[in-house]
C-alpha atoms as a PDB file:
ATOM      1  CA  MET A   1      23.581  -8.326  12.771  1.00  0.00           C
ATOM      2  CA  PHE A   2      20.158  -7.544  11.484  1.00  0.00           C
ATOM      3  CA  HIS A   3      18.799  -5.873   8.343  1.00  0.00           C
ATOM      4  CA  VAL A   4      15.665  -4.072   7.965  1.00  0.00           C
ATOM      5  CA  VAL A   5      12.829  -5.547   5.829  1.00  0.00           C
ATOM      6  CA  ASP A   6      11.458  -3.523   2.925  1.00  0.00           C
ATOM      7  CA  THR A   7       7.930  -4.270   3.472  1.00  0.00           C
ATOM      8  CA  LYS A   8       6.688  -1.525   1.461  1.00  0.00           C
ATOM      9  CA  LEU A   9       4.441  -0.557   4.441  1.00  0.00           C
ATOM     10  CA  ALA A  10       4.613   3.536   5.112  1.00  0.00           C
ATOM     11  CA  GLN A  11       7.505   4.434   7.519  1.00  0.00           C
ATOM     12  CA  SER A  12       7.025   5.127  11.035  1.00  0.00           C
ATOM     13  CA  LYS A  13       7.966   9.107  11.816  1.00  0.00           C
ATOM     14  CA  GLY A  14       9.748   8.017  14.964  1.00  0.00           C
ATOM     15  CA  PRO A  15      12.979   6.304  14.894  1.00  0.00           C
ATOM     16  CA  VAL A  16      11.860   2.570  14.515  1.00  0.00           C
ATOM     17  CA  ASN A  17      11.617  -0.069  12.015  1.00  0.00           C
ATOM     18  CA  GLY A  18       8.600  -2.225  11.753  1.00  0.00           C
ATOM     19  CA  THR A  19      10.470  -5.215  10.531  1.00  0.00           C
ATOM     20  CA  VAL A  20      13.897  -6.551  10.847  1.00  0.00           C
ATOM     21  CA  ARG A  21      15.319  -9.579  10.175  1.00  0.00           C
ATOM     22  CA  ALA A  22      18.242 -11.501  11.895  1.00  0.00           C
ATOM     23  CA  GLY A  23      19.335 -14.984  10.574  1.00  0.00           C
ATOM     24  CA  ASP A  24      16.213 -16.937  10.189  1.00  0.00           C
ATOM     25  CA  THR A  25      14.181 -14.977  12.863  1.00  0.00           C
ATOM     26  CA  VAL A  26      11.848 -11.836  12.126  1.00  0.00           C
ATOM     27  CA  TYR A  27      11.033  -9.243  14.286  1.00  0.00           C
ATOM     28  CA  MET A  28       7.946  -7.058  13.989  1.00  0.00           C
ATOM     29  CA  ALA A  29       5.845  -4.450  15.707  1.00  0.00           C
ATOM     30  CA  HIS A  30       2.630  -3.161  13.916  1.00  0.00           C
ATOM     31  CA  VAL A  31       0.255  -0.666  14.668  1.00  0.00           C
ATOM     32  CA  PRO A  32      -3.042   0.056  12.881  1.00  0.00           C
ATOM     33  CA  ARG A  33      -1.200   2.148  10.254  1.00  0.00           C
ATOM     34  CA  ASP A  34      -2.505   3.074   6.689  1.00  0.00           C
ATOM     35  CA  PRO A  35       0.042   1.154   4.683  1.00  0.00           C
ATOM     36  CA  ARG A  36       0.160   4.046   1.813  1.00  0.00           C
ATOM     37  CA  THR A  37      -0.437   7.114   3.507  1.00  0.00           C
ATOM     38  CA  GLY A  38       1.300   6.361   7.177  1.00  0.00           C
ATOM     39  CA  GLU A  39      -1.932   7.663   8.892  1.00  0.00           C
ATOM     40  CA  MET A  40      -2.985   5.966  11.971  1.00  0.00           C
ATOM     41  CA  VAL A  41      -6.728   4.091  10.997  1.00  0.00           C
ATOM     42  CA  GLN A  42      -9.346   5.120  13.213  1.00  0.00           C
ATOM     43  CA  GLY A  43     -12.250   2.823  14.243  1.00  0.00           C
ATOM     44  CA  ASP A  44     -13.220   0.278  16.572  1.00  0.00           C
ATOM     45  CA  MET A  45     -11.403  -2.834  17.467  1.00  0.00           C
ATOM     46  CA  THR A  46     -12.390  -4.907  14.426  1.00  0.00           C
ATOM     47  CA  VAL A  47     -11.278  -2.073  11.938  1.00  0.00           C
ATOM     48  CA  GLN A  48      -8.060  -1.529  14.010  1.00  0.00           C
ATOM     49  CA  MET A  49      -7.250  -5.031  14.685  1.00  0.00           C
ATOM     50  CA  ARG A  50      -7.807  -6.285  10.727  1.00  0.00           C
ATOM     51  CA  GLN A  51      -5.569  -3.274   9.621  1.00  0.00           C
ATOM     52  CA  THR A  52      -2.745  -4.055  12.198  1.00  0.00           C
ATOM     53  CA  LEU A  53      -2.594  -7.895  11.059  1.00  0.00           C
ATOM     54  CA  ASP A  54      -2.930  -7.147   7.537  1.00  0.00           C
ATOM     55  CA  ASN A  55       0.154  -4.863   8.090  1.00  0.00           C
ATOM     56  CA  MET A  56       1.962  -7.772   9.752  1.00  0.00           C
ATOM     57  CA  LYS A  57       0.919 -10.275   7.085  1.00  0.00           C
ATOM     58  CA  GLN A  58       2.642  -7.843   4.346  1.00  0.00           C
ATOM     59  CA  ALA A  59       5.877  -7.482   6.652  1.00  0.00           C
ATOM     60  CA  ILE A  60       6.360 -11.193   7.080  1.00  0.00           C
ATOM     61  CA  GLU A  61       5.633 -11.940   3.321  1.00  0.00           C
ATOM     62  CA  ALA A  62       8.093  -9.261   2.612  1.00  0.00           C
ATOM     63  CA  ALA A  63      10.619 -10.985   4.711  1.00  0.00           C
ATOM     64  CA  GLY A  64      10.188 -14.286   2.765  1.00  0.00           C
ATOM     65  CA  GLY A  65       7.565 -16.209   5.165  1.00  0.00           C
ATOM     66  CA  THR A  66       3.771 -16.273   5.858  1.00  0.00           C
ATOM     67  CA  LEU A  67       1.648 -16.137   8.971  1.00  0.00           C
ATOM     68  CA  LEU A  68       2.210 -19.643   9.578  1.00  0.00           C
ATOM     69  CA  ASP A  69       5.730 -18.998  10.545  1.00  0.00           C
ATOM     70  CA  VAL A  70       4.773 -16.526  13.410  1.00  0.00           C
ATOM     71  CA  ALA A  71       5.562 -18.144  16.630  1.00  0.00           C
ATOM     72  CA  GLN A  72       4.939 -15.404  19.004  1.00  0.00           C
ATOM     73  CA  ILE A  73       2.819 -12.237  19.569  1.00  0.00           C
ATOM     74  CA  VAL A  74       2.053  -9.928  22.202  1.00  0.00           C
ATOM     75  CA  ILE A  75      -1.070  -7.849  21.620  1.00  0.00           C
ATOM     76  CA  TYR A  76      -1.578  -4.428  23.841  1.00  0.00           C
ATOM     77  CA  ILE A  77      -4.755  -3.190  23.898  1.00  0.00           C
ATOM     78  CA  VAL A  78      -6.395  -0.088  25.824  1.00  0.00           C
ATOM     79  CA  ASP A  79      -9.475  -1.438  26.806  1.00  0.00           C
ATOM     80  CA  ALA A  80      -9.918  -5.253  28.079  1.00  0.00           C
ATOM     81  CA  ALA A  81     -13.763  -5.100  26.848  1.00  0.00           C
ATOM     82  CA  ASP A  82     -12.122  -5.097  23.249  1.00  0.00           C
ATOM     83  CA  ALA A  83     -10.646  -8.762  23.646  1.00  0.00           C
ATOM     84  CA  PRO A  84     -13.791 -10.505  22.332  1.00  0.00           C
ATOM     85  CA  ALA A  85     -13.542  -8.377  19.128  1.00  0.00           C
ATOM     86  CA  MET A  86      -9.808  -8.817  19.033  1.00  0.00           C
ATOM     87  CA  ASN A  87     -10.265 -12.475  19.415  1.00  0.00           C
ATOM     88  CA  GLU A  88     -12.439 -12.592  16.412  1.00  0.00           C
ATOM     89  CA  VAL A  89     -10.179 -10.778  14.139  1.00  0.00           C
ATOM     90  CA  TYR A  90      -7.292 -12.869  15.257  1.00  0.00           C
ATOM     91  CA  LYS A  91      -8.905 -15.982  14.213  1.00  0.00           C
ATOM     92  CA  GLN A  92      -9.609 -14.792  10.884  1.00  0.00           C
ATOM     93  CA  TYR A  93      -5.678 -14.763  10.371  1.00  0.00           C
ATOM     94  CA  PHE A  94      -4.532 -17.612  12.537  1.00  0.00           C
ATOM     95  CA  ALA A  95      -5.923 -21.254  13.263  1.00  0.00           C
ATOM     96  CA  GLN A  96      -4.545 -24.548  15.306  1.00  0.00           C
ATOM     97  CA  PRO A  97      -1.791 -24.516  16.154  1.00  0.00           C
ATOM     98  CA  TYR A  98      -1.872 -21.028  17.133  1.00  0.00           C
ATOM     99  CA  PRO A  99       1.362 -18.969  18.120  1.00  0.00           C
ATOM    100  CA  SER A 100       2.369 -18.435  21.449  1.00  0.00           C
ATOM    101  CA  ARG A 101       0.547 -15.142  22.553  1.00  0.00           C
ATOM    102  CA  ALA A 102       0.069 -12.733  25.486  1.00  0.00           C
ATOM    103  CA  THR A 103      -2.430 -10.047  25.592  1.00  0.00           C
ATOM    104  CA  VAL A 104      -1.541  -7.175  27.844  1.00  0.00           C
ATOM    105  CA  VAL A 105      -4.278  -4.102  28.731  1.00  0.00           C
ATOM    106  CA  VAL A 106      -2.433  -0.875  28.920  1.00  0.00           C
ATOM    107  CA  LYS A 107      -3.419   2.514  29.928  1.00  0.00           C
ATOM    108  CA  GLU A 108      -2.828   4.013  26.807  1.00  0.00           C
ATOM    109  CA  LEU A 109      -0.732   3.562  23.513  1.00  0.00           C
ATOM    110  CA  LEU A 110       1.580   6.346  21.995  1.00  0.00           C
ATOM    111  CA  SER A 111      -0.793   7.592  19.245  1.00  0.00           C
ATOM    112  CA  PRO A 112      -4.238   8.856  20.079  1.00  0.00           C
ATOM    113  CA  GLY A 113      -6.932   7.036  19.307  1.00  0.00           C
ATOM    114  CA  ILE A 114      -5.165   3.786  18.720  1.00  0.00           C
ATOM    115  CA  ARG A 115      -6.650   0.841  20.399  1.00  0.00           C
ATOM    116  CA  VAL A 116      -3.882  -2.073  19.520  1.00  0.00           C
ATOM    117  CA  GLU A 117      -0.418  -2.604  19.282  1.00  0.00           C
ATOM    118  CA  LEU A 118       1.181  -5.755  18.235  1.00  0.00           C
ATOM    119  CA  VAL A 119       4.818  -7.327  18.515  1.00  0.00           C
ATOM    120  CA  ALA A 120       5.535 -10.650  16.644  1.00  0.00           C
ATOM    121  CA  HIS A 121       8.439 -12.931  15.988  1.00  0.00           C
ATOM    122  CA  ALA A 122       8.458 -15.477  13.456  1.00  0.00           C
ATOM    123  CA  TYR A 123      10.879 -18.245  12.509  1.00  0.00           C
ATOM    124  CA  LEU A 124      11.904 -18.780   8.575  1.00  0.00           C
ATOM    125  CA  GLY A 125      14.355 -21.666   9.273  1.00  0.00           C
ATOM    126  CA  LYS A 126      13.525 -25.472   8.479  1.00  0.00           C
END
């Protein structure tokens, strides 16, 4: 059984939870949502990626971990041309050894104007 982590981030309007924990594993899915208002943050990839990773950082810390505990990330972007900017922001949050990662270019994401969404798994065991 899993439990929902109280991240203090604004809740999604959809029937989802952004962060849950099952044993020592934390499962997260985040978008560039303003943590207070719940509104999607508009802007270029740098702005949206930074907000998405800030949200993930807040979520993993609420679960009792740090970004160093993140083992895998899947990043969805709507424009392959955004990959260099996405990577520059990513390197401000992660360093060697990097988590396992896949980057997938998709036609669109659910919310209009959103350029990035990520799914991550973290292990908080010893």
